């Protein structure tokens, strides 16, 4: 992949990630943006970060399966890759927010 195509790929992913994070944020506008992880953690008696990692593991397993399928010569669509990769990236932003909140720090902007 040449530099121009790489840069376009990165910019597109950043745009998609931001759009998804902001649109999902509207669903949690009246509550804590990270509340689902905190509630899930309370039910399971684990940390919110551990709860999030449980959620993201499902997507990581799917990505591993995509790799195995392609190694067997099976086709995995760009849409399937796009969804799972995007979900993992979004979860990493949410994990960072949980860590920042836990450390009572405000990230530099």
PDB file of N, CA and C in Angstrom:
ATOM      1  N   UNK A   1       0.857  -1.179   0.000  1.00  0.00           N
ATOM      2  CA  UNK A   1       0.000   0.000   0.000  1.00  0.00           C
ATOM      3  C   UNK A   1       0.898   1.234   0.000  1.00  0.00           C
ATOM      4  N   UNK A   2       0.583   2.152  -0.880  1.00  0.00           N
ATOM      5  CA  UNK A   2       1.382   3.370  -0.922  1.00  0.00           C
ATOM      6  C   UNK A   2       0.953   4.319   0.197  1.00  0.00           C
ATOM      7  N   UNK A   3       1.758   5.362   0.407  1.00  0.00           N
ATOM      8  CA  UNK A   3       1.521   6.283   1.516  1.00  0.00           C
ATOM      9  C   UNK A   3       0.185   6.999   1.404  1.00  0.00           C
ATOM     10  N   UNK A   4      -0.188   7.401   0.196  1.00  0.00           N
ATOM     11  CA  UNK A   4      -1.453   8.106  -0.003  1.00  0.00           C
ATOM     12  C   UNK A   4      -2.643   7.231   0.392  1.00  0.00           C
ATOM     13  N   UNK A   5      -2.651   5.982  -0.071  1.00  0.00           N
ATOM     14  CA  UNK A   5      -3.745   5.065   0.269  1.00  0.00           C
ATOM     15  C   UNK A   5      -3.766   4.766   1.771  1.00  0.00           C
ATOM     16  N   UNK A   6      -2.583   4.615   2.356  1.00  0.00           N
ATOM     17  CA  UNK A   6      -2.497   4.371   3.799  1.00  0.00           C
ATOM     18  C   UNK A   6      -3.103   5.548   4.562  1.00  0.00           C
ATOM     19  N   UNK A   7      -2.699   6.758   4.196  1.00  0.00           N
ATOM     20  CA  UNK A   7      -3.217   7.951   4.863  1.00  0.00           C
ATOM     21  C   UNK A   7      -4.736   8.050   4.733  1.00  0.00           C
ATOM     22  N   UNK A   8      -5.258   7.734   3.560  1.00  0.00           N
ATOM     23  CA  UNK A   8      -6.713   7.766   3.353  1.00  0.00           C
ATOM     24  C   UNK A   8      -7.410   6.722   4.213  1.00  0.00           C
ATOM     25  N   UNK A   9      -6.808   5.552   4.327  1.00  0.00           N
ATOM     26  CA  UNK A   9      -7.374   4.486   5.163  1.00  0.00           C
ATOM     27  C   UNK A   9      -7.437   4.919   6.616  1.00  0.00           C
ATOM     28  N   UNK A  10      -6.352   5.510   7.101  1.00  0.00           N
ATOM     29  CA  UNK A  10      -6.301   5.968   8.493  1.00  0.00           C
ATOM     30  C   UNK A  10      -7.326   7.072   8.729  1.00  0.00           C
ATOM     31  N   UNK A  11      -7.382   8.040   7.839  1.00  0.00           N
ATOM     32  CA  UNK A  11      -8.329   9.142   8.001  1.00  0.00           C
ATOM     33  C   UNK A  11      -9.775   8.649   7.981  1.00  0.00           C
ATOM     34  N   UNK A  12     -10.072   7.711   7.106  1.00  0.00           N
ATOM     35  CA  UNK A  12     -11.424   7.151   7.049  1.00  0.00           C
ATOM     36  C   UNK A  12     -11.772   6.437   8.347  1.00  0.00           C
ATOM     37  N   UNK A  13     -10.833   5.667   8.885  1.00  0.00           N
ATOM     38  CA  UNK A  13     -11.091   4.946  10.137  1.00  0.00           C
ATOM     39  C   UNK A  13     -11.304   5.922  11.279  1.00  0.00           C
ATOM     40  N   UNK A  14     -10.514   6.964  11.347  1.00  0.00           N
ATOM     41  CA  UNK A  14     -10.666   7.957  12.418  1.00  0.00           C
ATOM     42  C   UNK A  14     -12.037   8.609  12.321  1.00  0.00           C
ATOM     43  N   UNK A  15     -12.457   8.955  11.118  1.00  0.00           N
ATOM     44  CA  UNK A  15     -13.782   9.554  10.906  1.00  0.00           C
ATOM     45  C   UNK A  15     -14.888   8.588  11.349  1.00  0.00           C
ATOM     46  N   UNK A  16     -14.782   7.332  10.930  1.00  0.00           N
ATOM     47  CA  UNK A  16     -15.801   6.331  11.292  1.00  0.00           C
ATOM     48  C   UNK A  16     -15.847   6.135  12.806  1.00  0.00           C
ATOM     49  N   UNK A  17     -14.676   6.075  13.427  1.00  0.00           N
ATOM     50  CA  UNK A  17     -14.608   5.856  14.868  1.00  0.00           C
ATOM     51  C   UNK A  17     -15.244   7.018  15.616  1.00  0.00           C
ATOM     52  N   UNK A  18     -14.908   8.218  15.216  1.00  0.00           N
ATOM     53  CA  UNK A  18     -15.476   9.395  15.860  1.00  0.00           C
ATOM     54  C   UNK A  18     -16.990   9.428  15.678  1.00  0.00           C
ATOM     55  N   UNK A  19     -17.454   9.165  14.486  1.00  0.00           N
ATOM     56  CA  UNK A  19     -18.892   9.164  14.229  1.00  0.00           C
ATOM     57  C   UNK A  19     -19.607   8.136  15.107  1.00  0.00           C
ATOM     58  N   UNK A  20     -19.034   6.944  15.198  1.00  0.00           N
ATOM     59  CA  UNK A  20     -19.653   5.893  16.006  1.00  0.00           C
ATOM     60  C   UNK A  20     -19.654   6.261  17.486  1.00  0.00           C
ATOM     61  N   UNK A  21     -18.538   6.758  17.992  1.00  0.00           N
ATOM     62  CA  UNK A  21     -18.471   7.141  19.404  1.00  0.00           C
ATOM     63  C   UNK A  21     -19.461   8.255  19.723  1.00  0.00           C
ATOM     64  N   UNK A  22     -19.574   9.222  18.833  1.00  0.00           N
ATOM     65  CA  UNK A  22     -20.491  10.333  19.083  1.00  0.00           C
ATOM     66  C   UNK A  22     -21.952   9.915  18.946  1.00  0.00           C
ATOM     67  N   UNK A  23     -22.263   9.066  17.965  1.00  0.00           N
ATOM     68  CA  UNK A  23     -23.656   8.634  17.796  1.00  0.00           C
ATOM     69  C   UNK A  23     -24.088   7.731  18.945  1.00  0.00           C
ATOM     70  N   UNK A  24     -23.199   6.855  19.387  1.00  0.00           N
ATOM     71  CA  UNK A  24     -23.532   5.998  20.537  1.00  0.00           C
ATOM     72  C   UNK A  24     -23.637   6.823  21.804  1.00  0.00           C
ATOM     73  N   UNK A  25     -22.844   7.879  21.892  1.00  0.00           N
ATOM     74  CA  UNK A  25     -22.889   8.749  23.053  1.00  0.00           C
ATOM     75  C   UNK A  25     -24.257   9.359  23.256  1.00  0.00           C
ATOM     76  N   UNK A  26     -24.970   9.626  22.161  1.00  0.00           N
ATOM     77  CA  UNK A  26     -26.318  10.190  22.252  1.00  0.00           C
ATOM     78  C   UNK A  26     -27.274   9.231  22.953  1.00  0.00           C
ATOM     79  N   UNK A  27     -27.022   7.940  22.812  1.00  0.00           N
ATOM     80  CA  UNK A  27     -27.875   6.942  23.467  1.00  0.00           C
ATOM     81  C   UNK A  27     -27.723   6.989  24.981  1.00  0.00           C
ATOM     82  N   UNK A  28     -26.582   7.526  25.461  1.00  0.00           N
ATOM     83  CA  UNK A  28     -26.292   7.559  26.889  1.00  0.00           C
ATOM     84  C   UNK A  28     -26.283   8.985  27.419  1.00  0.00           C
ATOM     85  N   UNK A  29     -26.952   9.891  26.708  1.00  0.00           N
ATOM     86  CA  UNK A  29     -26.878  11.313  27.042  1.00  0.00           C
ATOM     87  C   UNK A  29     -27.393  11.628  28.447  1.00  0.00           C
ATOM     88  N   UNK A  30     -28.373  10.887  28.935  1.00  0.00           N
ATOM     89  CA  UNK A  30     -28.947  11.176  30.252  1.00  0.00           C
ATOM     90  C   UNK A  30     -28.223  10.445  31.379  1.00  0.00           C
ATOM     91  N   UNK A  31     -27.226   9.684  31.055  1.00  0.00           N
ATOM     92  CA  UNK A  31     -26.555   8.872  32.070  1.00  0.00           C
ATOM     93  C   UNK A  31     -25.044   8.929  31.875  1.00  0.00           C
ATOM     94  N   UNK A  32     -24.358   8.212  32.709  1.00  0.00           N
ATOM     95  CA  UNK A  32     -22.906   8.097  32.620  1.00  0.00           C
ATOM     96  C   UNK A  32     -22.547   7.412  31.305  1.00  0.00           C
ATOM     97  N   UNK A  33     -21.698   8.013  30.525  1.00  0.00           N
ATOM     98  CA  UNK A  33     -21.299   7.466  29.214  1.00  0.00           C
ATOM     99  C   UNK A  33     -20.668   6.096  29.355  1.00  0.00           C
ATOM    100  N   UNK A  34     -20.088   5.823  30.508  1.00  0.00           N
ATOM    101  CA  UNK A  34     -19.435   4.542  30.752  1.00  0.00           C
ATOM    102  C   UNK A  34     -20.269   3.649  31.675  1.00  0.00           C
ATOM    103  N   UNK A  35     -21.517   4.034  31.871  1.00  0.00           N
ATOM    104  CA  UNK A  35     -22.384   3.336  32.822  1.00  0.00           C
ATOM    105  C   UNK A  35     -22.607   1.868  32.534  1.00  0.00           C
ATOM    106  N   UNK A  36     -22.688   1.476  31.264  1.00  0.00           N
ATOM    107  CA  UNK A  36     -22.917   0.058  30.956  1.00  0.00           C
ATOM    108  C   UNK A  36     -21.797  -0.820  31.489  1.00  0.00           C
ATOM    109  N   UNK A  37     -20.577  -0.336  31.397  1.00  0.00           N
ATOM    110  CA  UNK A  37     -19.450  -1.121  31.889  1.00  0.00           C
ATOM    111  C   UNK A  37     -19.449  -1.178  33.416  1.00  0.00           C
ATOM    112  N   UNK A  38     -19.854  -0.092  34.041  1.00  0.00           N
ATOM    113  CA  UNK A  38     -19.906  -0.050  35.500  1.00  0.00           C
ATOM    114  C   UNK A  38     -21.016  -0.953  36.033  1.00  0.00           C
ATOM    115  N   UNK A  39     -22.168  -0.902  35.378  1.00  0.00           N
ATOM    116  CA  UNK A  39     -23.272  -1.773  35.803  1.00  0.00           C
ATOM    117  C   UNK A  39     -22.942  -3.234  35.552  1.00  0.00           C
ATOM    118  N   UNK A  40     -22.390  -3.535  34.370  1.00  0.00           N
ATOM    119  CA  UNK A  40     -21.987  -4.904  34.068  1.00  0.00           C
ATOM    120  C   UNK A  40     -20.949  -5.412  35.051  1.00  0.00           C
ATOM    121  N   UNK A  41     -20.035  -4.533  35.429  1.00  0.00           N
ATOM    122  CA  UNK A  41     -18.997  -4.900  36.396  1.00  0.00           C
ATOM    123  C   UNK A  41     -19.602  -5.212  37.760  1.00  0.00           C
ATOM    124  N   UNK A  42     -20.566  -4.391  38.170  1.00  0.00           N
ATOM    125  CA  UNK A  42     -21.205  -4.609  39.469  1.00  0.00           C
ATOM    126  C   UNK A  42     -21.921  -5.958  39.507  1.00  0.00           C
ATOM    127  N   UNK A  43     -22.620  -6.308  38.424  1.00  0.00           N
ATOM    128  CA  UNK A  43     -23.312  -7.599  38.366  1.00  0.00           C
ATOM    129  C   UNK A  43     -22.347  -8.766  38.483  1.00  0.00           C
ATOM    130  N   UNK A  44     -21.172  -8.589  37.875  1.00  0.00           N
ATOM    131  CA  UNK A  44     -20.198  -9.681  37.820  1.00  0.00           C
ATOM    132  C   UNK A  44     -19.146  -9.616  38.930  1.00  0.00           C
ATOM    133  N   UNK A  45     -19.171  -8.534  39.690  1.00  0.00           N
ATOM    134  CA  UNK A  45     -18.185  -8.309  40.755  1.00  0.00           C
ATOM    135  C   UNK A  45     -16.762  -8.265  40.210  1.00  0.00           C
ATOM    136  N   UNK A  46     -16.631  -7.477  39.158  1.00  0.00           N
ATOM    137  CA  UNK A  46     -15.334  -7.247  38.528  1.00  0.00           C
ATOM    138  C   UNK A  46     -15.203  -5.745  38.289  1.00  0.00           C
ATOM    139  N   UNK A  47     -14.078  -5.321  37.762  1.00  0.00           N
ATOM    140  CA  UNK A  47     -13.899  -3.904  37.479  1.00  0.00           C
ATOM    141  C   UNK A  47     -14.580  -3.535  36.156  1.00  0.00           C
ATOM    142  N   UNK A  48     -14.900  -2.254  35.981  1.00  0.00           N
ATOM    143  CA  UNK A  48     -15.444  -1.838  34.693  1.00  0.00           C
ATOM    144  C   UNK A  48     -14.505  -2.151  33.525  1.00  0.00           C
ATOM    145  N   UNK A  49     -13.194  -2.028  33.762  1.00  0.00           N
ATOM    146  CA  UNK A  49     -12.228  -2.362  32.711  1.00  0.00           C
ATOM    147  C   UNK A  49     -12.299  -3.843  32.352  1.00  0.00           C
ATOM    148  N   UNK A  50     -12.438  -4.697  33.342  1.00  0.00           N
ATOM    149  CA  UNK A  50     -12.560  -6.132  33.077  1.00  0.00           C
ATOM    150  C   UNK A  50     -13.848  -6.429  32.325  1.00  0.00           C
ATOM    151  N   UNK A  51     -14.904  -5.737  32.680  1.00  0.00           N
ATOM    152  CA  UNK A  51     -16.178  -5.915  31.975  1.00  0.00           C
ATOM    153  C   UNK A  51     -16.007  -5.542  30.508  1.00  0.00           C
ATOM    154  N   UNK A  52     -15.399  -4.395  30.240  1.00  0.00           N
ATOM    155  CA  UNK A  52     -15.172  -3.969  28.866  1.00  0.00           C
ATOM    156  C   UNK A  52     -14.347  -5.003  28.108  1.00  0.00           C
ATOM    157  N   UNK A  53     -13.321  -5.524  28.745  1.00  0.00           N
ATOM    158  CA  UNK A  53     -12.475  -6.509  28.063  1.00  0.00           C
ATOM    159  C   UNK A  53     -13.264  -7.768  27.726  1.00  0.00           C
ATOM    160  N   UNK A  54     -14.237  -8.110  28.553  1.00  0.00           N
ATOM    161  CA  UNK A  54     -15.106  -9.232  28.212  1.00  0.00           C
ATOM    162  C   UNK A  54     -15.906  -8.951  26.953  1.00  0.00           C
ATOM    163  N   UNK A  55     -16.396  -7.715  26.835  1.00  0.00           N
ATOM    164  CA  UNK A  55     -17.160  -7.340  25.648  1.00  0.00           C
ATOM    165  C   UNK A  55     -16.278  -7.336  24.399  1.00  0.00           C
ATOM    166  N   UNK A  56     -15.082  -6.766  24.526  1.00  0.00           N
ATOM    167  CA  UNK A  56     -14.207  -6.638  23.357  1.00  0.00           C
ATOM    168  C   UNK A  56     -13.642  -7.997  22.933  1.00  0.00           C
ATOM    169  N   UNK A  57     -13.540  -8.922  23.858  1.00  0.00           N
ATOM    170  CA  UNK A  57     -13.008 -10.249  23.526  1.00  0.00           C
ATOM    171  C   UNK A  57     -13.823 -10.928  22.436  1.00  0.00           C
ATOM    172  N   UNK A  58     -15.126 -10.721  22.462  1.00  0.00           N
ATOM    173  CA  UNK A  58     -16.000 -11.291  21.431  1.00  0.00           C
ATOM    174  C   UNK A  58     -15.564 -10.839  20.038  1.00  0.00           C
ATOM    175  N   UNK A  59     -15.220  -9.573  19.919  1.00  0.00           N
ATOM    176  CA  UNK A  59     -14.797  -9.027  18.632  1.00  0.00           C
ATOM    177  C   UNK A  59     -13.401  -9.518  18.250  1.00  0.00           C
ATOM    178  N   UNK A  60     -12.524  -9.641  19.235  1.00  0.00           N
ATOM    179  CA  UNK A  60     -11.182 -10.160  18.965  1.00  0.00           C
ATOM    180  C   UNK A  60     -11.241 -11.620  18.513  1.00  0.00           C
ATOM    181  N   UNK A  61     -12.108 -12.395  19.121  1.00  0.00           N
ATOM    182  CA  UNK A  61     -12.287 -13.793  18.707  1.00  0.00           C
ATOM    183  C   UNK A  61     -12.772 -13.851  17.265  1.00  0.00           C
ATOM    184  N   UNK A  62     -13.685 -12.961  16.904  1.00  0.00           N
ATOM    185  CA  UNK A  62     -14.177 -12.927  15.520  1.00  0.00           C
ATOM    186  C   UNK A  62     -13.046 -12.590  14.553  1.00  0.00           C
ATOM    187  N   UNK A  63     -12.173 -11.666  14.930  1.00  0.00           N
ATOM    188  CA  UNK A  63     -11.039 -11.303  14.073  1.00  0.00           C
ATOM    189  C   UNK A  63     -10.092 -12.476  13.905  1.00  0.00           C
ATOM    190  N   UNK A  64      -9.834 -13.199  14.984  1.00  0.00           N
ATOM    191  CA  UNK A  64      -9.000 -14.399  14.883  1.00  0.00           C
ATOM    192  C   UNK A  64      -9.656 -15.405  13.948  1.00  0.00           C
ATOM    193  N   UNK A  65     -10.958 -15.574  14.069  1.00  0.00           N
ATOM    194  CA  UNK A  65     -11.686 -16.496  13.193  1.00  0.00           C
ATOM    195  C   UNK A  65     -11.612 -16.045  11.742  1.00  0.00           C
ATOM    196  N   UNK A  66     -11.707 -14.751  11.490  1.00  0.00           N
ATOM    197  CA  UNK A  66     -11.558 -14.246  10.121  1.00  0.00           C
ATOM    198  C   UNK A  66     -10.210 -14.653   9.547  1.00  0.00           C
ATOM    199  N   UNK A  67      -9.165 -14.514  10.345  1.00  0.00           N
ATOM    200  CA  UNK A  67      -7.826 -14.896   9.888  1.00  0.00           C
ATOM    201  C   UNK A  67      -7.757 -16.383   9.576  1.00  0.00           C
ATOM    202  N   UNK A  68      -8.339 -17.195  10.427  1.00  0.00           N
ATOM    203  CA  UNK A  68      -8.340 -18.643  10.203  1.00  0.00           C
ATOM    204  C   UNK A  68      -9.137 -18.999   8.947  1.00  0.00           C
ATOM    205  N   UNK A  69     -10.277 -18.343   8.766  1.00  0.00           N
ATOM    206  CA  UNK A  69     -11.081 -18.600   7.573  1.00  0.00           C
ATOM    207  C   UNK A  69     -10.318 -18.237   6.310  1.00  0.00           C
ATOM    208  N   UNK A  70      -9.664 -17.094   6.318  1.00  0.00           N
ATOM    209  CA  UNK A  70      -8.901 -16.692   5.135  1.00  0.00           C
ATOM    210  C   UNK A  70      -7.724 -17.623   4.885  1.00  0.00           C
ATOM    211  N   UNK A  71      -7.112 -18.137   5.950  1.00  0.00           N
ATOM    212  CA  UNK A  71      -6.013 -19.090   5.794  1.00  0.00           C
ATOM    213  C   UNK A  71      -6.502 -20.384   5.134  1.00  0.00           C
ATOM    214  N   UNK A  72      -7.790 -20.693   5.315  1.00  0.00           N
ATOM    215  CA  UNK A  72      -8.386 -21.872   4.681  1.00  0.00           C
ATOM    216  C   UNK A  72      -8.897 -21.555   3.275  1.00  0.00           C
ATOM    217  N   UNK A  73      -8.684 -20.321   2.836  1.00  0.00           N
ATOM    218  CA  UNK A  73      -9.124 -19.925   1.501  1.00  0.00           C
ATOM    219  C   UNK A  73     -10.545 -19.418   1.434  1.00  0.00           C
ATOM    220  N   UNK A  74     -11.173 -19.213   2.580  1.00  0.00           N
ATOM    221  CA  UNK A  74     -12.545 -18.698   2.609  1.00  0.00           C
ATOM    222  C   UNK A  74     -12.521 -17.174   2.547  1.00  0.00           C
ATOM    223  N   UNK A  75     -13.570 -16.616   2.004  1.00  0.00           N
ATOM    224  CA  UNK A  75     -13.665 -15.173   1.840  1.00  0.00           C
ATOM    225  C   UNK A  75     -14.304 -14.531   3.064  1.00  0.00           C
ATOM    226  N   UNK A  76     -13.703 -13.459   3.539  1.00  0.00           N
ATOM    227  CA  UNK A  76     -14.292 -12.615   4.579  1.00  0.00           C
ATOM    228  C   UNK A  76     -14.436 -11.234   3.955  1.00  0.00           C
ATOM    229  N   UNK A  77     -15.632 -10.698   3.962  1.00  0.00           N
ATOM    230  CA  UNK A  77     -15.891  -9.436   3.274  1.00  0.00           C
ATOM    231  C   UNK A  77     -15.237  -8.255   3.987  1.00  0.00           C
ATOM    232  N   UNK A  78     -15.024  -7.214   3.209  1.00  0.00           N
ATOM    233  CA  UNK A  78     -14.490  -5.977   3.774  1.00  0.00           C
ATOM    234  C   UNK A  78     -15.423  -5.446   4.855  1.00  0.00           C
ATOM    235  N   UNK A  79     -16.717  -5.578   4.650  1.00  0.00           N
ATOM    236  CA  UNK A  79     -17.694  -5.101   5.627  1.00  0.00           C
ATOM    237  C   UNK A  79     -17.546  -5.829   6.964  1.00  0.00           C
ATOM    238  N   UNK A  80     -17.284  -7.141   6.911  1.00  0.00           N
ATOM    239  CA  UNK A  80     -17.095  -7.900   8.148  1.00  0.00           C
ATOM    240  C   UNK A  80     -15.838  -7.441   8.879  1.00  0.00           C
ATOM    241  N   UNK A  81     -14.743  -7.315   8.128  1.00  0.00           N
ATOM    242  CA  UNK A  81     -13.495  -6.824   8.726  1.00  0.00           C
ATOM    243  C   UNK A  81     -13.710  -5.429   9.308  1.00  0.00           C
ATOM    244  N   UNK A  82     -14.321  -4.563   8.527  1.00  0.00           N
ATOM    245  CA  UNK A  82     -14.531  -3.171   8.912  1.00  0.00           C
ATOM    246  C   UNK A  82     -15.295  -3.065  10.226  1.00  0.00           C
ATOM    247  N   UNK A  83     -16.350  -3.844  10.340  1.00  0.00           N
ATOM    248  CA  UNK A  83     -17.170  -3.794  11.556  1.00  0.00           C
ATOM    249  C   UNK A  83     -16.376  -4.221  12.784  1.00  0.00           C
ATOM    250  N   UNK A  84     -15.706  -5.348  12.700  1.00  0.00           N
ATOM    251  CA  UNK A  84     -14.986  -5.866  13.872  1.00  0.00           C
ATOM    252  C   UNK A  84     -13.796  -5.003  14.242  1.00  0.00           C
ATOM    253  N   UNK A  85     -13.037  -4.561  13.232  1.00  0.00           N
ATOM    254  CA  UNK A  85     -11.896  -3.686  13.516  1.00  0.00           C
ATOM    255  C   UNK A  85     -12.401  -2.390  14.148  1.00  0.00           C
ATOM    256  N   UNK A  86     -13.460  -1.833  13.586  1.00  0.00           N
ATOM    257  CA  UNK A  86     -14.029  -0.609  14.141  1.00  0.00           C
ATOM    258  C   UNK A  86     -14.512  -0.782  15.566  1.00  0.00           C
ATOM    259  N   UNK A  87     -15.157  -1.905  15.845  1.00  0.00           N
ATOM    260  CA  UNK A  87     -15.645  -2.158  17.206  1.00  0.00           C
ATOM    261  C   UNK A  87     -14.491  -2.222  18.205  1.00  0.00           C
ATOM    262  N   UNK A  88     -13.416  -2.895  17.831  1.00  0.00           N
ATOM    263  CA  UNK A  88     -12.264  -3.006  18.742  1.00  0.00           C
ATOM    264  C   UNK A  88     -11.656  -1.631  18.998  1.00  0.00           C
ATOM    265  N   UNK A  89     -11.523  -0.825  17.966  1.00  0.00           N
ATOM    266  CA  UNK A  89     -10.969   0.522  18.136  1.00  0.00           C
ATOM    267  C   UNK A  89     -11.857   1.348  19.059  1.00  0.00           C
ATOM    268  N   UNK A  90     -13.157   1.279  18.873  1.00  0.00           N
ATOM    269  CA  UNK A  90     -14.083   2.014  19.735  1.00  0.00           C
ATOM    270  C   UNK A  90     -13.932   1.553  21.178  1.00  0.00           C
ATOM    271  N   UNK A  91     -13.864   0.255  21.390  1.00  0.00           N
ATOM    272  CA  UNK A  91     -13.697  -0.256  22.754  1.00  0.00           C
ATOM    273  C   UNK A  91     -12.389   0.220  23.375  1.00  0.00           C
ATOM    274  N   UNK A  92     -11.344   0.375  22.594  1.00  0.00           N
ATOM    275  CA  UNK A  92     -10.079   0.860  23.149  1.00  0.00           C
ATOM    276  C   UNK A  92     -10.210   2.314  23.594  1.00  0.00           C
ATOM    277  N   UNK A  93     -10.978   3.105  22.876  1.00  0.00           N
ATOM    278  CA  UNK A  93     -11.231   4.488  23.320  1.00  0.00           C
ATOM    279  C   UNK A  93     -12.040   4.481  24.619  1.00  0.00           C
ATOM    280  N   UNK A  94     -13.012   3.613  24.698  1.00  0.00           N
ATOM    281  CA  UNK A  94     -13.809   3.516  25.919  1.00  0.00           C
ATOM    282  C   UNK A  94     -12.966   3.006  27.089  1.00  0.00           C
ATOM    283  N   UNK A  95     -12.064   2.075  26.823  1.00  0.00           N
ATOM    284  CA  UNK A  95     -11.158   1.602  27.869  1.00  0.00           C
ATOM    285  C   UNK A  95     -10.292   2.749  28.365  1.00  0.00           C
ATOM    286  N   UNK A  96      -9.775   3.524  27.439  1.00  0.00           N
ATOM    287  CA  UNK A  96      -8.962   4.664  27.843  1.00  0.00           C
ATOM    288  C   UNK A  96      -9.765   5.620  28.721  1.00  0.00           C
ATOM    289  N   UNK A  97     -11.021   5.865  28.374  1.00  0.00           N
ATOM    290  CA  UNK A  97     -11.868   6.747  29.180  1.00  0.00           C
ATOM    291  C   UNK A  97     -12.055   6.184  30.589  1.00  0.00           C
ATOM    292  N   UNK A  98     -12.246   4.871  30.693  1.00  0.00           N
ATOM    293  CA  UNK A  98     -12.369   4.248  32.016  1.00  0.00           C
ATOM    294  C   UNK A  98     -11.086   4.414  32.828  1.00  0.00           C
ATOM    295  N   UNK A  99      -9.955   4.219  32.185  1.00  0.00           N
ATOM    296  CA  UNK A  99      -8.664   4.351  32.875  1.00  0.00           C
ATOM    297  C   UNK A  99      -8.443   5.791  33.315  1.00  0.00           C
ATOM    298  N   UNK A 100      -8.707   6.741  32.427  1.00  0.00           N
ATOM    299  CA  UNK A 100      -8.545   8.160  32.762  1.00  0.00           C
ATOM    300  C   UNK A 100      -9.444   8.528  33.937  1.00  0.00           C
ATOM    301  N   UNK A 101     -10.691   8.064  33.876  1.00  0.00           N
ATOM    302  CA  UNK A 101     -11.621   8.344  34.975  1.00  0.00           C
ATOM    303  C   UNK A 101     -11.129   7.727  36.277  1.00  0.00           C
ATOM    304  N   UNK A 102     -10.659   6.496  36.203  1.00  0.00           N
ATOM    305  CA  UNK A 102     -10.184   5.790  37.392  1.00  0.00           C
ATOM    306  C   UNK A 102      -8.979   6.488  38.012  1.00  0.00           C
ATOM    307  N   UNK A 103      -8.109   7.027  37.167  1.00  0.00           N
ATOM    308  CA  UNK A 103      -6.915   7.722  37.650  1.00  0.00           C
ATOM    309  C   UNK A 103      -7.190   9.179  38.000  1.00  0.00           C
ATOM    310  N   UNK A 104      -8.422   9.624  37.745  1.00  0.00           N
ATOM    311  CA  UNK A 104      -8.823  11.014  38.022  1.00  0.00           C
ATOM    312  C   UNK A 104      -7.923  11.999  37.284  1.00  0.00           C
ATOM    313  N   UNK A 105      -7.613  11.672  36.057  1.00  0.00           N
ATOM    314  CA  UNK A 105      -6.772  12.525  35.238  1.00  0.00           C
ATOM    315  C   UNK A 105      -7.574  13.059  34.076  1.00  0.00           C
ATOM    316  N   UNK A 106      -7.148  14.183  33.568  1.00  0.00           N
ATOM    317  CA  UNK A 106      -7.734  14.732  32.372  1.00  0.00           C
ATOM    318  C   UNK A 106      -6.663  14.695  31.295  1.00  0.00           C
ATOM    319  N   UNK A 107      -6.948  14.050  30.178  1.00  0.00           N
ATOM    320  CA  UNK A 107      -5.920  13.947  29.119  1.00  0.00           C
ATOM    321  C   UNK A 107      -5.634  15.299  28.488  1.00  0.00           C
ATOM    322  N   UNK A 108      -4.410  15.460  28.022  1.00  0.00           N
ATOM    323  CA  UNK A 108      -4.043  16.661  27.273  1.00  0.00           C
ATOM    324  C   UNK A 108      -4.727  16.631  25.926  1.00  0.00           C
ATOM    325  N   UNK A 109      -5.196  17.779  25.499  1.00  0.00           N
ATOM    326  CA  UNK A 109      -5.864  17.863  24.197  1.00  0.00           C
ATOM    327  C   UNK A 109      -5.048  18.712  23.262  1.00  0.00           C
TER     328      UNK A 109
END
